[in-house]
Structure formats: C-alpha cells, structure tokens
Amino acid sequence: MMDPFSTLCRHARRVVFSSLTALLFGMTAPSIALAQDNPAFNPATWHLPDEAMLGFVEIPAGRFAMGSDPRVDRMAFANERWSGFMRQGNVNLPTFYIQRYEVTTAQYKAFVAATGYQAAPQSLSQADIYPAAFVSWTDALAYARWLEQELRTSTQTPDHIQQLLDDGWQITLASEAQWEKAARGTEGRVFPWGNQPDTSKANIGSAASDPVGDQNCSECAYGLADMSGNLFEWTRSPYQAYPYTSEDDRENLMEDALWVIRGGSFNDQINNARAAVRGAADPGARRAFIGFRLVLTPE
C-alpha cells in the first residue's frame, strides 16, 4: 500500500489530514470536576487552573506501546504500524507534565493582550472556556514561549514548576510520543478510556467544539480531558513514517514541514478518536478543528 504522505507532502500549504477526510490515513484516573463547573481557571495566573501545578499533570517515566496492533485495534490505519517487522514500538520516556485541558480561549486571549500578537480573529471569538481554535503551529509555539517566560519571571509561579524551569525544563508542545503516552497510558488502550468505542466519552460527530472538560471521562488515562475529540492538537513532531525517534522532534525544521496533529476533532467519527491516530498539517494552518495543549518537559 502506498504511503499517503508520499503524494500529500508535496502540497505543503494545506492541511493534509482534514477531519472530514480522515480515512486517507491509514490507568484509572482520579475523578475531576468539569472545567466549566470549576472556578479554578484563575485570571491572576494567566487563566490557568488554580491547582498546585496550574493544571499540568505528571506522566511518570517509563515505557509504553506506541502505534497500533491490528489484532487488538481493527480500526488501525497503515501509518500507525511501527515497521514492516513490528506492529508497535516500545518507547521509553522520562517524566513530563501535560496540561489537563486544551488551551482555552481565555488563556490565548491573555497572551494576545500581553504581547500584541497577530492572532487570527476567529481564535479570539469563542467563549473563554472553549478551546482556542484557528491557532497555527507557529501560533501555538509563540504562546508556549510567552507562557514559559511568564512562569520563569513571576512570583506567582508554583515552587515546583519554578524549580523545574530553573533545572532546564521547558514549556512547549508535546512530542508525538508524549502525546500518545498521555492519551493511552501504559496499558496500550485503543481509546483514552479503554479498548471499546464509546461516543459518550468524547465530543465527536458534532457540529462544533465543546467547553474544555465538558465530556466527563474520569476513567480516561491520567485524568486528562478531551484527548479524544473536541479539537485535533498540534505536536512538536514533524510527520514522518514510523519508527518514531525523538531526534526528529525539532521546532526549527524547514518551514514547509508537516507537523503531527493528534486526537481527532468534533466532526470526526469514532475511528479517528483513537489514541494512535496520526494526522498532519502545514505549520501555518489555522482551522476550526485544530487546537493544542502544552507540556512541561525536560527534553
């Protein structure tokens, strides 16, 4: 079967994994309050959750199975296979932290107001608790760099975050491997909640995004919200055929690289809400179905 990206990579100025054409691409967690019911999104701390780690959730160091085994996941696409000899890879990651929720409109607005950044008007038009959409890969990294600088210099930064930043950690987009481990845990789940499809656990097959955390999925890996559906999420990994290597995760590759997006979106169906699904988009793409979340990471 021909790799779909061998053709699509020539068209660098468009999204190559539209959520409407997705078929081209072939832990039990603690209960958490829904975001809109939680007065925790604090304007005094950049509209981040008013928690000890500002909404960043620890993903412990260790190995996990990356990619899809068609014997377990009958919906797997060809580009989720690790190699011609292996269905899945075994990837070892150090500890990192990932945001519980997708970056919200309020958080993105705070960045734009503070910096005068030229954001897409549509990215500022949703209600504050909705995920920020119409955000390009470049926009997402600009927000990440701003937030990191704010956290480095503010007296309101929690001590543990400050210590990690002092030790050389950074705020950025998740690598493709970090994102997948956070979504499926170490049990090799097909979906964040388990192996069986369940449309009640994710905002999929709908007309628009929901407020972050609106889908109650307390059993989802690490207690993270919206890792399936709502919005696709940018990663810092350029799209390449597996096997994955962290050496490819660079923010400064050629401008026309295609960057991996993960998680499916509101107008996808359940097969594209799986933890291993891989899409890609041009770094300048601003779309209604693409958002992002950040990690605090040592690499």
C-alpha atoms as a PDB file:
ATOM      1  CA  MET A   1       0.000   0.000   0.000  1.00  0.00           C
ATOM      2  CA  MET A   2       1.388   3.426  -0.993  1.00  0.00           C
ATOM      3  CA  ASP A   3       2.156   5.786   1.862  1.00  0.00           C
ATOM      4  CA  PRO A   4      -0.462   8.567   1.526  1.00  0.00           C
ATOM      5  CA  PHE A   5       2.105  11.146   2.552  1.00  0.00           C
ATOM      6  CA  SER A   6       4.338  10.414  -0.462  1.00  0.00           C
ATOM      7  CA  THR A   7       1.784  12.341  -2.503  1.00  0.00           C
ATOM      8  CA  LEU A   8       0.328  14.690   0.058  1.00  0.00           C
ATOM      9  CA  CYS A   9       3.639  16.070   1.326  1.00  0.00           C
ATOM     10  CA  ARG A  10       4.029  17.922  -1.967  1.00  0.00           C
ATOM     11  CA  HIS A  11       1.084  20.119  -1.021  1.00  0.00           C
ATOM     12  CA  ALA A  12       2.690  21.923   1.883  1.00  0.00           C
ATOM     13  CA  ARG A  13       0.266  24.833   2.243  1.00  0.00           C
ATOM     14  CA  ARG A  14      -2.824  22.890   3.146  1.00  0.00           C
ATOM     15  CA  VAL A  15      -3.981  20.586   5.880  1.00  0.00           C
ATOM     16  CA  VAL A  16      -3.333  17.015   4.811  1.00  0.00           C
ATOM     17  CA  PHE A  17      -5.433  15.383   7.453  1.00  0.00           C
ATOM     18  CA  SER A  18      -8.721  17.253   7.220  1.00  0.00           C
ATOM     19  CA  SER A  19     -11.057  15.897   9.837  1.00  0.00           C
ATOM     20  CA  LEU A  20     -13.553  15.398   7.018  1.00  0.00           C
ATOM     21  CA  THR A  21     -11.164  13.174   5.035  1.00  0.00           C
ATOM     22  CA  ALA A  22      -9.547  11.239   7.811  1.00  0.00           C
ATOM     23  CA  LEU A  23      -9.842   7.875   6.114  1.00  0.00           C
ATOM     24  CA  LEU A  24      -6.932   8.826   3.913  1.00  0.00           C
ATOM     25  CA  PHE A  25      -4.679   7.931   6.841  1.00  0.00           C
ATOM     26  CA  GLY A  26      -4.178   4.703   7.167  1.00  0.00           C
ATOM     27  CA  MET A  27      -4.853   3.835  34.379  1.00  0.00           C
ATOM     28  CA  THR A  28      -7.601   4.533  36.060  1.00  0.00           C
ATOM     29  CA  ALA A  29      -7.559   8.232  36.888  1.00  0.00           C
ATOM     30  CA  PRO A  30      -8.988  10.300  39.734  1.00  0.00           C
ATOM     31  CA  SER A  31     -12.379  11.869  39.269  1.00  0.00           C
ATOM     32  CA  ILE A  32     -12.120  15.533  38.336  1.00  0.00           C
ATOM     33  CA  ALA A  33     -14.626  18.356  38.225  1.00  0.00           C
ATOM     34  CA  LEU A  34     -15.802  19.527  34.827  1.00  0.00           C
ATOM     35  CA  ALA A  35     -13.945  22.643  33.780  1.00  0.00           C
ATOM     36  CA  GLN A  36     -16.970  24.892  33.408  1.00  0.00           C
ATOM     37  CA  ASP A  37     -18.169  23.948  36.906  1.00  0.00           C
ATOM     38  CA  ASN A  38     -14.767  24.628  38.405  1.00  0.00           C
ATOM     39  CA  PRO A  39     -13.892  28.218  39.359  1.00  0.00           C
ATOM     40  CA  ALA A  40     -10.268  27.169  39.026  1.00  0.00           C
ATOM     41  CA  PHE A  41      -9.391  28.999  35.830  1.00  0.00           C
ATOM     42  CA  ASN A  42      -7.783  31.925  37.576  1.00  0.00           C
ATOM     43  CA  PRO A  43      -7.263  35.281  35.787  1.00  0.00           C
ATOM     44  CA  ALA A  44      -4.473  36.060  38.252  1.00  0.00           C
ATOM     45  CA  THR A  45      -2.416  33.136  36.922  1.00  0.00           C
ATOM     46  CA  TRP A  46      -2.867  33.508  33.159  1.00  0.00           C
ATOM     47  CA  HIS A  47      -6.323  31.856  33.339  1.00  0.00           C
ATOM     48  CA  LEU A  48      -4.673  28.529  34.165  1.00  0.00           C
ATOM     49  CA  PRO A  49      -6.327  26.148  36.659  1.00  0.00           C
ATOM     50  CA  ASP A  50      -5.865  27.196  40.285  1.00  0.00           C
ATOM     51  CA  GLU A  51      -4.056  23.986  41.234  1.00  0.00           C
ATOM     52  CA  ALA A  52      -0.655  23.177  42.682  1.00  0.00           C
ATOM     53  CA  MET A  53       0.776  22.595  39.186  1.00  0.00           C
ATOM     54  CA  LEU A  54      -1.517  25.041  37.336  1.00  0.00           C
ATOM     55  CA  GLY A  55      -3.262  22.169  35.574  1.00  0.00           C
ATOM     56  CA  PHE A  56      -0.101  20.334  34.488  1.00  0.00           C
ATOM     57  CA  VAL A  57      -0.467  16.596  35.190  1.00  0.00           C
ATOM     58  CA  GLU A  58       2.514  14.325  35.819  1.00  0.00           C
ATOM     59  CA  ILE A  59       3.122  11.491  33.362  1.00  0.00           C
ATOM     60  CA  PRO A  60       5.618   9.177  35.103  1.00  0.00           C
ATOM     61  CA  ALA A  61       8.772   7.946  33.403  1.00  0.00           C
ATOM     62  CA  GLY A  62       8.676   4.565  31.732  1.00  0.00           C
ATOM     63  CA  ARG A  63       7.873   2.585  28.635  1.00  0.00           C
ATOM     64  CA  PHE A  64       4.656   2.330  26.667  1.00  0.00           C
ATOM     65  CA  ALA A  65       3.483   0.666  23.465  1.00  0.00           C
ATOM     66  CA  MET A  66       3.292   3.195  20.608  1.00  0.00           C
ATOM     67  CA  GLY A  67       1.372   2.588  17.419  1.00  0.00           C
ATOM     68  CA  SER A  68      -1.402   0.108  16.677  1.00  0.00           C
ATOM     69  CA  ASP A  69      -1.707  -3.652  16.718  1.00  0.00           C
ATOM     70  CA  PRO A  70      -4.495  -4.568  14.253  1.00  0.00           C
ATOM     71  CA  ARG A  71      -5.138  -7.745  16.232  1.00  0.00           C
ATOM     72  CA  VAL A  72      -6.374  -5.505  19.061  1.00  0.00           C
ATOM     73  CA  ASP A  73      -7.479  -2.435  17.112  1.00  0.00           C
ATOM     74  CA  ARG A  74      -9.374  -3.403  13.969  1.00  0.00           C
ATOM     75  CA  MET A  75      -9.734   0.289  13.028  1.00  0.00           C
ATOM     76  CA  ALA A  76      -5.967   0.843  12.804  1.00  0.00           C
ATOM     77  CA  PHE A  77      -4.595   2.714   9.793  1.00  0.00           C
ATOM     78  CA  ALA A  78      -1.439   1.688   7.957  1.00  0.00           C
ATOM     79  CA  ASN A  79       0.581   4.700   9.144  1.00  0.00           C
ATOM     80  CA  GLU A  80       0.147   3.556  12.759  1.00  0.00           C
ATOM     81  CA  ARG A  81       2.249   0.424  12.195  1.00  0.00           C
ATOM     82  CA  TRP A  82       5.748   0.654  13.683  1.00  0.00           C
ATOM     83  CA  SER A  83       7.637  -1.106  10.890  1.00  0.00           C
ATOM     84  CA  GLY A  84       7.443  -3.927   8.404  1.00  0.00           C
ATOM     85  CA  PHE A  85       8.504  -6.296  11.168  1.00  0.00           C
ATOM     86  CA  MET A  86       6.789  -4.828  14.249  1.00  0.00           C
ATOM     87  CA  ARG A  87       3.215  -3.766  14.811  1.00  0.00           C
ATOM     88  CA  GLN A  88       4.059  -1.487  17.752  1.00  0.00           C
ATOM     89  CA  GLY A  89       7.156   0.120  19.189  1.00  0.00           C
ATOM     90  CA  ASN A  90       8.286   0.124  22.805  1.00  0.00           C
ATOM     91  CA  VAL A  91       9.179   3.712  23.701  1.00  0.00           C
ATOM     92  CA  ASN A  92      10.816   4.853  26.921  1.00  0.00           C
ATOM     93  CA  LEU A  93      10.125   8.430  28.043  1.00  0.00           C
ATOM     94  CA  PRO A  94      11.327  10.433  31.038  1.00  0.00           C
ATOM     95  CA  THR A  95       8.813  12.046  33.370  1.00  0.00           C
ATOM     96  CA  PHE A  96       6.973  15.030  31.926  1.00  0.00           C
ATOM     97  CA  TYR A  97       3.847  17.048  32.688  1.00  0.00           C
ATOM     98  CA  ILE A  98       0.974  17.735  30.297  1.00  0.00           C
ATOM     99  CA  GLN A  99      -1.948  20.116  30.608  1.00  0.00           C
ATOM    100  CA  ARG A 100      -5.160  18.505  31.785  1.00  0.00           C
ATOM    101  CA  TYR A 101      -7.191  20.640  29.386  1.00  0.00           C
ATOM    102  CA  GLU A 102      -6.718  22.024  25.915  1.00  0.00           C
ATOM    103  CA  VAL A 103      -5.524  25.634  25.929  1.00  0.00           C
ATOM    104  CA  THR A 104      -8.603  27.806  26.318  1.00  0.00           C
ATOM    105  CA  THR A 105      -9.679  30.936  24.503  1.00  0.00           C
ATOM    106  CA  ALA A 106      -9.192  32.909  27.740  1.00  0.00           C
ATOM    107  CA  GLN A 107      -5.600  31.705  28.051  1.00  0.00           C
ATOM    108  CA  TYR A 108      -4.850  32.529  24.431  1.00  0.00           C
ATOM    109  CA  LYS A 109      -6.505  35.948  24.749  1.00  0.00           C
ATOM    110  CA  ALA A 110      -4.264  36.741  27.720  1.00  0.00           C
ATOM    111  CA  PHE A 111      -1.223  36.059  25.541  1.00  0.00           C
ATOM    112  CA  VAL A 112      -2.504  38.204  22.681  1.00  0.00           C
ATOM    113  CA  ALA A 113      -3.404  41.068  25.029  1.00  0.00           C
ATOM    114  CA  ALA A 114       0.012  40.977  26.690  1.00  0.00           C
ATOM    115  CA  THR A 115       2.073  40.808  23.505  1.00  0.00           C
ATOM    116  CA  GLY A 116       0.021  42.293  20.686  1.00  0.00           C
ATOM    117  CA  TYR A 117       0.482  39.044  18.774  1.00  0.00           C
ATOM    118  CA  GLN A 118      -1.309  38.973  15.411  1.00  0.00           C
ATOM    119  CA  ALA A 119      -3.716  36.126  16.064  1.00  0.00           C
ATOM    120  CA  ALA A 120      -6.496  35.034  13.748  1.00  0.00           C
ATOM    121  CA  PRO A 121      -9.660  36.938  14.765  1.00  0.00           C
ATOM    122  CA  GLN A 122     -11.575  33.645  14.900  1.00  0.00           C
ATOM    123  CA  SER A 123      -9.203  32.331  17.574  1.00  0.00           C
ATOM    124  CA  LEU A 124     -10.440  35.029  19.967  1.00  0.00           C
ATOM    125  CA  SER A 125     -14.147  34.797  19.179  1.00  0.00           C
ATOM    126  CA  GLN A 126     -15.204  31.786  21.266  1.00  0.00           C
ATOM    127  CA  ALA A 127     -16.340  31.994  24.878  1.00  0.00           C
ATOM    128  CA  ASP A 128     -13.471  31.883  27.359  1.00  0.00           C
ATOM    129  CA  ILE A 129     -13.907  28.264  28.474  1.00  0.00           C
ATOM    130  CA  TYR A 130     -13.840  26.866  24.927  1.00  0.00           C
ATOM    131  CA  PRO A 131     -10.601  25.529  23.441  1.00  0.00           C
ATOM    132  CA  ALA A 132      -8.642  28.004  21.353  1.00  0.00           C
ATOM    133  CA  ALA A 133      -9.074  27.085  17.673  1.00  0.00           C
ATOM    134  CA  PHE A 134      -7.821  28.696  14.460  1.00  0.00           C
ATOM    135  CA  VAL A 135      -4.346  28.520  16.023  1.00  0.00           C
ATOM    136  CA  SER A 136      -1.446  27.525  13.777  1.00  0.00           C
ATOM    137  CA  TRP A 137       1.577  25.505  14.851  1.00  0.00           C
ATOM    138  CA  THR A 138       3.570  28.735  14.826  1.00  0.00           C
ATOM    139  CA  ASP A 139       0.913  30.475  16.943  1.00  0.00           C
ATOM    140  CA  ALA A 140       0.902  27.626  19.459  1.00  0.00           C
ATOM    141  CA  LEU A 141       4.673  27.768  19.892  1.00  0.00           C
ATOM    142  CA  ALA A 142       4.557  31.548  20.299  1.00  0.00           C
ATOM    143  CA  TYR A 143       2.035  31.115  23.117  1.00  0.00           C
ATOM    144  CA  ALA A 144       4.191  28.397  24.709  1.00  0.00           C
ATOM    145  CA  ARG A 145       7.289  30.597  24.699  1.00  0.00           C
ATOM    146  CA  TRP A 146       5.365  33.512  26.192  1.00  0.00           C
ATOM    147  CA  LEU A 147       3.874  31.352  28.956  1.00  0.00           C
ATOM    148  CA  GLU A 148       7.274  29.878  29.769  1.00  0.00           C
ATOM    149  CA  GLN A 149       8.758  33.346  30.152  1.00  0.00           C
ATOM    150  CA  GLU A 150       5.849  34.431  32.344  1.00  0.00           C
ATOM    151  CA  LEU A 151       6.319  31.391  34.570  1.00  0.00           C
ATOM    152  CA  ARG A 152      10.069  31.941  34.787  1.00  0.00           C
ATOM    153  CA  THR A 153       9.708  35.527  35.993  1.00  0.00           C
ATOM    154  CA  SER A 154       6.507  35.621  38.055  1.00  0.00           C
ATOM    155  CA  THR A 155       6.326  35.418  41.839  1.00  0.00           C
ATOM    156  CA  GLN A 156       3.046  33.504  41.421  1.00  0.00           C
ATOM    157  CA  THR A 157       4.672  30.506  39.772  1.00  0.00           C
ATOM    158  CA  PRO A 158       4.390  27.398  41.976  1.00  0.00           C
ATOM    159  CA  ASP A 159       7.701  26.403  43.533  1.00  0.00           C
ATOM    160  CA  HIS A 160       7.889  23.018  41.814  1.00  0.00           C
ATOM    161  CA  ILE A 161       7.306  24.481  38.360  1.00  0.00           C
ATOM    162  CA  GLN A 162       9.886  27.180  39.068  1.00  0.00           C
ATOM    163  CA  GLN A 163      12.426  24.572  40.139  1.00  0.00           C
ATOM    164  CA  LEU A 164      11.879  22.502  37.012  1.00  0.00           C
ATOM    165  CA  LEU A 165      12.293  25.563  34.796  1.00  0.00           C
ATOM    166  CA  ASP A 166      15.446  26.507  36.695  1.00  0.00           C
ATOM    167  CA  ASP A 167      16.711  22.979  36.013  1.00  0.00           C
ATOM    168  CA  GLY A 168      16.322  23.478  32.270  1.00  0.00           C
ATOM    169  CA  TRP A 169      12.824  22.136  31.626  1.00  0.00           C
ATOM    170  CA  GLN A 170      10.715  23.957  29.061  1.00  0.00           C
ATOM    171  CA  ILE A 171       7.119  24.691  28.143  1.00  0.00           C
ATOM    172  CA  THR A 172       6.346  23.540  24.609  1.00  0.00           C
ATOM    173  CA  LEU A 173       4.110  21.297  22.534  1.00  0.00           C
ATOM    174  CA  ALA A 174       4.107  17.589  23.288  1.00  0.00           C
ATOM    175  CA  SER A 175       6.158  15.292  21.121  1.00  0.00           C
ATOM    176  CA  GLU A 176       4.131  12.706  19.262  1.00  0.00           C
ATOM    177  CA  ALA A 177       5.302  10.061  21.733  1.00  0.00           C
ATOM    178  CA  GLN A 178       4.496  12.178  24.786  1.00  0.00           C
ATOM    179  CA  TRP A 179       1.047  12.897  23.441  1.00  0.00           C
ATOM    180  CA  GLU A 180       0.275   9.244  22.751  1.00  0.00           C
ATOM    181  CA  LYS A 181       1.505   8.031  26.130  1.00  0.00           C
ATOM    182  CA  ALA A 182      -0.591  10.673  27.881  1.00  0.00           C
ATOM    183  CA  ALA A 183      -3.641   9.668  25.840  1.00  0.00           C
ATOM    184  CA  ARG A 184      -3.478   5.887  26.264  1.00  0.00           C
ATOM    185  CA  GLY A 185      -1.384   5.267  29.378  1.00  0.00           C
ATOM    186  CA  THR A 186       0.868   2.241  29.720  1.00  0.00           C
ATOM    187  CA  GLU A 187      -1.864  -0.340  29.171  1.00  0.00           C
ATOM    188  CA  GLY A 188      -1.964   0.084  25.397  1.00  0.00           C
ATOM    189  CA  ARG A 189      -5.524   1.352  25.351  1.00  0.00           C
ATOM    190  CA  VAL A 190      -7.155   1.977  21.983  1.00  0.00           C
ATOM    191  CA  PHE A 191      -9.020   4.977  23.417  1.00  0.00           C
ATOM    192  CA  PRO A 192      -8.156   7.042  26.492  1.00  0.00           C
ATOM    193  CA  TRP A 193     -10.923   5.252  28.419  1.00  0.00           C
ATOM    194  CA  GLY A 194     -10.256   1.676  27.224  1.00  0.00           C
ATOM    195  CA  ASN A 195     -10.471  -0.522  24.149  1.00  0.00           C
ATOM    196  CA  GLN A 196     -14.157  -0.195  23.313  1.00  0.00           C
ATOM    197  CA  PRO A 197     -15.685   2.676  21.321  1.00  0.00           C
ATOM    198  CA  ASP A 198     -17.910   4.936  23.426  1.00  0.00           C
ATOM    199  CA  THR A 199     -19.251   8.104  21.842  1.00  0.00           C
ATOM    200  CA  SER A 200     -20.358   9.426  25.237  1.00  0.00           C
ATOM    201  CA  LYS A 201     -16.712   9.883  26.294  1.00  0.00           C
ATOM    202  CA  ALA A 202     -15.663  12.337  23.582  1.00  0.00           C
ATOM    203  CA  ASN A 203     -17.048  15.221  21.557  1.00  0.00           C
ATOM    204  CA  ILE A 204     -17.119  13.593  18.128  1.00  0.00           C
ATOM    205  CA  GLY A 205     -19.609  13.573  15.275  1.00  0.00           C
ATOM    206  CA  SER A 206     -20.914  17.010  16.199  1.00  0.00           C
ATOM    207  CA  ALA A 207     -21.071  20.471  14.659  1.00  0.00           C
ATOM    208  CA  ALA A 208     -18.713  22.380  16.960  1.00  0.00           C
ATOM    209  CA  SER A 209     -16.289  22.168  19.858  1.00  0.00           C
ATOM    210  CA  ASP A 210     -17.459  21.972  23.472  1.00  0.00           C
ATOM    211  CA  PRO A 211     -16.108  23.767  26.542  1.00  0.00           C
ATOM    212  CA  VAL A 212     -12.904  22.092  27.715  1.00  0.00           C
ATOM    213  CA  GLY A 213     -13.604  19.149  30.000  1.00  0.00           C
ATOM    214  CA  ASP A 214     -17.284  19.063  29.064  1.00  0.00           C
ATOM    215  CA  GLN A 215     -17.128  15.319  28.399  1.00  0.00           C
ATOM    216  CA  ASN A 216     -16.910  13.579  31.748  1.00  0.00           C
ATOM    217  CA  CYS A 217     -14.324  10.818  31.398  1.00  0.00           C
ATOM    218  CA  SER A 218     -12.976  10.168  34.861  1.00  0.00           C
ATOM    219  CA  GLU A 219     -11.586   6.813  33.709  1.00  0.00           C
ATOM    220  CA  CYS A 220      -9.512   8.393  30.933  1.00  0.00           C
ATOM    221  CA  ALA A 221      -5.767   7.929  31.275  1.00  0.00           C
ATOM    222  CA  TYR A 222      -4.198  10.252  33.869  1.00  0.00           C
ATOM    223  CA  GLY A 223      -7.481  12.145  34.279  1.00  0.00           C
ATOM    224  CA  LEU A 224      -6.864  14.173  31.128  1.00  0.00           C
ATOM    225  CA  ALA A 225      -9.764  15.780  29.293  1.00  0.00           C
ATOM    226  CA  ASP A 226     -10.531  15.807  25.567  1.00  0.00           C
ATOM    227  CA  MET A 227      -7.624  13.663  24.424  1.00  0.00           C
ATOM    228  CA  SER A 228     -10.189  12.192  22.037  1.00  0.00           C
ATOM    229  CA  GLY A 229     -12.311  14.569  20.008  1.00  0.00           C
ATOM    230  CA  ASN A 230     -13.148  18.239  20.542  1.00  0.00           C
ATOM    231  CA  LEU A 231     -10.073  19.550  18.666  1.00  0.00           C
ATOM    232  CA  PHE A 232      -7.099  17.960  16.999  1.00  0.00           C
ATOM    233  CA  GLU A 233      -3.938  19.025  18.858  1.00  0.00           C
ATOM    234  CA  TRP A 234      -0.608  20.168  17.463  1.00  0.00           C
ATOM    235  CA  THR A 235       2.563  18.332  18.465  1.00  0.00           C
ATOM    236  CA  ARG A 236       6.200  19.324  18.028  1.00  0.00           C
ATOM    237  CA  SER A 237       6.915  16.253  15.888  1.00  0.00           C
ATOM    238  CA  PRO A 238       7.261  16.543  12.105  1.00  0.00           C
ATOM    239  CA  TYR A 239       5.283  13.919  10.244  1.00  0.00           C
ATOM    240  CA  GLN A 240       7.474  11.001   9.233  1.00  0.00           C
ATOM    241  CA  ALA A 241       6.870   7.313   8.798  1.00  0.00           C
ATOM    242  CA  TYR A 242       7.460   5.196  11.895  1.00  0.00           C
ATOM    243  CA  PRO A 243       9.568   4.135  13.688  1.00  0.00           C
ATOM    244  CA  TYR A 244       9.469   7.270  15.819  1.00  0.00           C
ATOM    245  CA  THR A 245      12.679   8.834  17.115  1.00  0.00           C
ATOM    246  CA  SER A 246      12.889  11.782  19.484  1.00  0.00           C
ATOM    247  CA  GLU A 247      15.806  13.152  17.458  1.00  0.00           C
ATOM    248  CA  ASP A 248      13.274  14.256  14.839  1.00  0.00           C
ATOM    249  CA  ASP A 249      11.390  16.494  17.294  1.00  0.00           C
ATOM    250  CA  ARG A 250      12.695  19.931  16.469  1.00  0.00           C
ATOM    251  CA  GLU A 251      10.925  23.276  16.446  1.00  0.00           C
ATOM    252  CA  ASN A 252      13.172  24.766  13.748  1.00  0.00           C
ATOM    253  CA  LEU A 253      12.878  22.396  10.809  1.00  0.00           C
ATOM    254  CA  MET A 254      12.185  23.681   7.331  1.00  0.00           C
ATOM    255  CA  GLU A 255       9.144  25.883   7.094  1.00  0.00           C
ATOM    256  CA  ASP A 256       7.216  23.532   4.829  1.00  0.00           C
ATOM    257  CA  ALA A 257       7.451  20.519   7.148  1.00  0.00           C
ATOM    258  CA  LEU A 258       4.155  18.890   8.040  1.00  0.00           C
ATOM    259  CA  TRP A 259       3.557  18.631  11.768  1.00  0.00           C
ATOM    260  CA  VAL A 260       1.712  15.821  13.500  1.00  0.00           C
ATOM    261  CA  ILE A 261      -1.738  16.535  14.892  1.00  0.00           C
ATOM    262  CA  ARG A 262      -3.400  14.109  17.288  1.00  0.00           C
ATOM    263  CA  GLY A 263      -6.683  13.232  18.925  1.00  0.00           C
ATOM    264  CA  GLY A 264      -9.426  13.738  16.363  1.00  0.00           C
ATOM    265  CA  SER A 265     -11.963  16.542  16.410  1.00  0.00           C
ATOM    266  CA  PHE A 266     -15.619  17.294  16.965  1.00  0.00           C
ATOM    267  CA  ASN A 267     -16.612  16.480  13.368  1.00  0.00           C
ATOM    268  CA  ASP A 268     -14.738  13.194  13.194  1.00  0.00           C
ATOM    269  CA  GLN A 269     -16.129   9.744  13.809  1.00  0.00           C
ATOM    270  CA  ILE A 270     -15.020   7.300  16.483  1.00  0.00           C
ATOM    271  CA  ASN A 271     -12.279   5.671  14.375  1.00  0.00           C
ATOM    272  CA  ASN A 272     -10.381   8.962  14.353  1.00  0.00           C
ATOM    273  CA  ALA A 273     -10.718   9.461  18.108  1.00  0.00           C
ATOM    274  CA  ARG A 274      -8.327   6.599  18.849  1.00  0.00           C
ATOM    275  CA  ALA A 275      -5.138   7.319  20.783  1.00  0.00           C
ATOM    276  CA  ALA A 276      -2.829   6.147  17.982  1.00  0.00           C
ATOM    277  CA  VAL A 277      -4.385   8.070  15.078  1.00  0.00           C
ATOM    278  CA  ARG A 278      -1.836  10.244  13.253  1.00  0.00           C
ATOM    279  CA  GLY A 279      -2.691  13.286  11.185  1.00  0.00           C
ATOM    280  CA  ALA A 280      -0.560  16.137   9.874  1.00  0.00           C
ATOM    281  CA  ALA A 281      -0.949  19.765   8.897  1.00  0.00           C
ATOM    282  CA  ASP A 282       1.032  22.638   7.471  1.00  0.00           C
ATOM    283  CA  PRO A 283       2.522  24.826  10.246  1.00  0.00           C
ATOM    284  CA  GLY A 284       0.578  27.862   9.037  1.00  0.00           C
ATOM    285  CA  ALA A 285      -2.809  26.136   9.031  1.00  0.00           C
ATOM    286  CA  ARG A 286      -5.468  27.856  11.141  1.00  0.00           C
ATOM    287  CA  ARG A 287      -8.544  25.648  11.268  1.00  0.00           C
ATOM    288  CA  ALA A 288     -11.717  25.396  13.319  1.00  0.00           C
ATOM    289  CA  PHE A 289     -10.843  21.812  14.268  1.00  0.00           C
ATOM    290  CA  ILE A 290      -7.204  22.279  15.395  1.00  0.00           C
ATOM    291  CA  GLY A 291      -6.110  23.465  18.851  1.00  0.00           C
ATOM    292  CA  PHE A 292      -3.351  22.497  21.259  1.00  0.00           C
ATOM    293  CA  ARG A 293      -2.195  21.768  24.795  1.00  0.00           C
ATOM    294  CA  LEU A 294       1.280  22.144  26.294  1.00  0.00           C
ATOM    295  CA  VAL A 295       3.808  20.080  28.194  1.00  0.00           C
ATOM    296  CA  LEU A 296       6.422  20.873  30.814  1.00  0.00           C
ATOM    297  CA  THR A 297       9.285  18.687  29.708  1.00  0.00           C
ATOM    298  CA  PRO A 298      12.994  18.053  30.308  1.00  0.00           C
ATOM    299  CA  GLU A 299      13.655  17.476  26.601  1.00  0.00           C
END
